[in-house]
């Protein structure tokens, strides 16, 4: 992952990677493979305080504010869900919190993910996006408050 790439650049890279797959089973396998590459969340964050509500699977999201950026670690007990959060984090990690809070995630439409997910997985993806945005907005707001 190119740390200096913008959200838009990373999204474009993912769209390009997915474009090589004609078959949706291959795309699903790639989503699962991306989830396997996800950096593991610290066990201390695998609790209800960091669990994303609205997902059928269990998903935990740890926000890690840095000086000028935000990074997340995450995990899920479901392979496809873990892959979906991996896709989001690949695009949004190490970016300014304000940019993450307001990011254009239309690349997900280009990947046609929502069209091929079950309704419960679509709701889960929306919940993951919502929680990422909430964490990012809170961290962005804190960074604009001067002591």
Protein backbone atom coordinates (compact mmCIF):
# COMPACT_ATOMS: atom_id res chain seq x y z
CA UNK A 1 0.00 0.00 0.00
CA UNK A 2 1.31 3.41 -0.96
CA UNK A 3 1.13 5.45 2.26
CA UNK A 4 1.37 8.79 0.45
CA UNK A 5 -1.38 8.02 -2.07
CA UNK A 6 -4.63 9.88 -1.68
CA UNK A 7 -7.94 8.22 -0.93
CA UNK A 8 -8.91 8.70 -4.57
CA UNK A 9 -5.65 7.16 -5.82
CA UNK A 10 -6.04 4.12 -3.58
CA UNK A 11 -9.66 3.69 -4.63
CA UNK A 12 -8.63 3.81 -8.28
CA UNK A 13 -5.98 1.14 -7.64
CA UNK A 14 -8.57 -1.17 -6.08
CA UNK A 15 -11.01 -0.66 -8.94
CA UNK A 16 -8.23 -1.54 -11.36
CA UNK A 17 -7.31 -4.67 -9.37
CA UNK A 18 -10.91 -5.86 -9.31
CA UNK A 19 -11.34 -5.21 -13.03
CA UNK A 20 -9.21 -8.26 -13.88
CA UNK A 21 -11.89 -10.56 -12.44
CA UNK A 22 -14.78 -11.38 -14.76
CA UNK A 23 -16.34 -13.95 -12.46
CA UNK A 24 -17.93 -12.93 -9.16
CA UNK A 25 -16.64 -16.03 -7.41
CA UNK A 26 -13.13 -14.83 -8.22
CA UNK A 27 -14.00 -11.37 -6.84
CA UNK A 28 -15.35 -12.91 -3.64
CA UNK A 29 -12.16 -14.93 -3.29
CA UNK A 30 -10.12 -11.75 -3.73
CA UNK A 31 -12.19 -10.02 -1.04
CA UNK A 32 -11.46 -12.95 1.28
CA UNK A 33 -7.76 -12.83 0.38
CA UNK A 34 -7.64 -9.10 1.21
CA UNK A 35 -9.18 -9.90 4.58
CA UNK A 36 -6.43 -12.42 5.29
CA UNK A 37 -3.86 -9.63 4.82
CA UNK A 38 -5.54 -7.42 7.41
CA UNK A 39 -3.28 -6.45 10.29
CA UNK A 40 -4.68 -8.06 13.41
CA UNK A 41 -6.40 -5.93 15.99
CA UNK A 42 -5.05 -6.04 19.53
CA UNK A 43 -7.08 -8.47 21.63
CA UNK A 44 -7.89 -5.64 24.07
CA UNK A 45 -10.07 -4.05 21.33
CA UNK A 46 -12.10 -7.16 20.61
CA UNK A 47 -14.91 -6.12 22.94
CA UNK A 48 -18.33 -4.47 22.79
CA UNK A 49 -16.92 -0.95 23.06
CA UNK A 50 -15.22 -1.37 19.67
CA UNK A 51 -17.78 -3.66 18.04
CA UNK A 52 -19.64 -2.22 15.08
CA UNK A 53 -23.39 -2.39 15.52
CA UNK A 54 -25.50 -3.25 12.50
CA UNK A 55 -23.31 -6.06 11.20
CA UNK A 56 -24.59 -9.62 11.27
CA UNK A 57 -21.01 -10.77 11.72
CA UNK A 58 -18.94 -9.50 14.60
CA UNK A 59 -16.66 -6.65 13.52
CA UNK A 60 -14.31 -4.73 15.77
CA UNK A 61 -12.73 -1.45 14.76
CA UNK A 62 -9.84 0.23 16.58
CA UNK A 63 -9.16 3.88 15.66
CA UNK A 64 -5.55 4.97 16.00
CA UNK A 65 -5.12 8.74 15.77
CA UNK A 66 -1.69 9.86 14.64
CA UNK A 67 -0.30 13.39 14.44
CA UNK A 68 -2.09 14.39 11.27
CA UNK A 69 -3.75 11.16 10.16
CA UNK A 70 -5.93 8.33 11.34
CA UNK A 71 -5.34 4.62 11.01
CA UNK A 72 -7.60 1.73 11.89
CA UNK A 73 -7.12 -1.89 12.79
CA UNK A 74 -10.04 -4.25 12.50
CA UNK A 75 -11.13 -7.84 12.65
CA UNK A 76 -14.23 -9.89 11.95
CA UNK A 77 -15.37 -13.41 12.60
CA UNK A 78 -16.61 -13.73 8.99
CA UNK A 79 -14.25 -13.98 6.02
CA UNK A 80 -16.14 -11.83 3.51
CA UNK A 81 -16.89 -9.19 6.15
CA UNK A 82 -13.23 -9.14 7.10
CA UNK A 83 -12.39 -8.62 3.44
CA UNK A 84 -14.88 -5.74 3.18
CA UNK A 85 -13.35 -3.93 6.14
CA UNK A 86 -9.90 -4.60 4.68
CA UNK A 87 -10.97 -2.86 1.46
CA UNK A 88 -12.17 0.18 3.41
CA UNK A 89 -9.01 0.36 5.51
CA UNK A 90 -6.75 -0.07 2.51
CA UNK A 91 -8.28 3.08 1.03
CA UNK A 92 -8.73 5.11 4.23
CA UNK A 93 -5.81 4.26 6.52
CA UNK A 94 -3.03 6.81 7.06
CA UNK A 95 -5.14 9.66 5.72
CA UNK A 96 -6.13 12.95 7.37
CA UNK A 97 -9.09 12.33 9.68
CA UNK A 98 -11.10 15.14 8.08
CA UNK A 99 -10.59 13.52 4.65
CA UNK A 100 -11.67 10.12 5.97
CA UNK A 101 -14.80 11.61 7.55
CA UNK A 102 -15.87 13.12 4.23
CA UNK A 103 -14.35 10.65 1.77
CA UNK A 104 -16.08 9.90 -1.50
CA UNK A 105 -16.51 6.13 -1.43
CA UNK A 106 -18.18 5.83 -4.81
CA UNK A 107 -15.44 3.39 -5.78
CA UNK A 108 -17.54 0.79 -3.93
CA UNK A 109 -20.21 1.30 -6.59
CA UNK A 110 -17.58 0.81 -9.29
CA UNK A 111 -16.58 -2.46 -7.65
CA UNK A 112 -20.27 -3.43 -7.76
CA UNK A 113 -19.92 -4.87 -4.27
CA UNK A 114 -23.31 -3.83 -2.96
CA UNK A 115 -25.03 -5.36 -5.98
CA UNK A 116 -23.54 -8.75 -5.14
CA UNK A 117 -23.83 -8.72 -1.36
CA UNK A 118 -26.72 -10.07 0.64
CA UNK A 119 -28.91 -7.43 2.30
CA UNK A 120 -27.37 -8.17 5.70
CA UNK A 121 -23.83 -7.78 4.34
CA UNK A 122 -24.85 -4.50 2.63
CA UNK A 123 -26.17 -3.23 5.95
CA UNK A 124 -22.96 -4.34 7.62
CA UNK A 125 -20.83 -2.52 5.04
CA UNK A 126 -22.90 0.63 5.57
CA UNK A 127 -22.45 0.27 9.34
CA UNK A 128 -18.68 -0.10 8.94
CA UNK A 129 -18.54 3.05 6.79
CA UNK A 130 -20.68 4.96 9.28
CA UNK A 131 -18.47 3.97 12.23
CA UNK A 132 -15.25 4.83 10.39
CA UNK A 133 -16.69 8.25 9.51
CA UNK A 134 -17.82 8.84 13.11
CA UNK A 135 -14.39 8.02 14.53
CA UNK A 136 -12.67 10.16 11.89
CA UNK A 137 -15.01 13.12 12.44
CA UNK A 138 -14.47 12.97 16.20
CA UNK A 139 -10.70 12.86 15.79
CA UNK A 140 -10.78 15.67 13.22
CA UNK A 141 -12.85 17.78 15.62
CA UNK A 142 -10.38 17.14 18.45
CA UNK A 143 -7.45 18.18 16.29
CA UNK A 144 -9.09 21.54 15.52
CA UNK A 145 -9.62 22.35 19.21
CA UNK A 146 -6.73 24.39 20.55
CA UNK A 147 -5.71 23.89 24.20
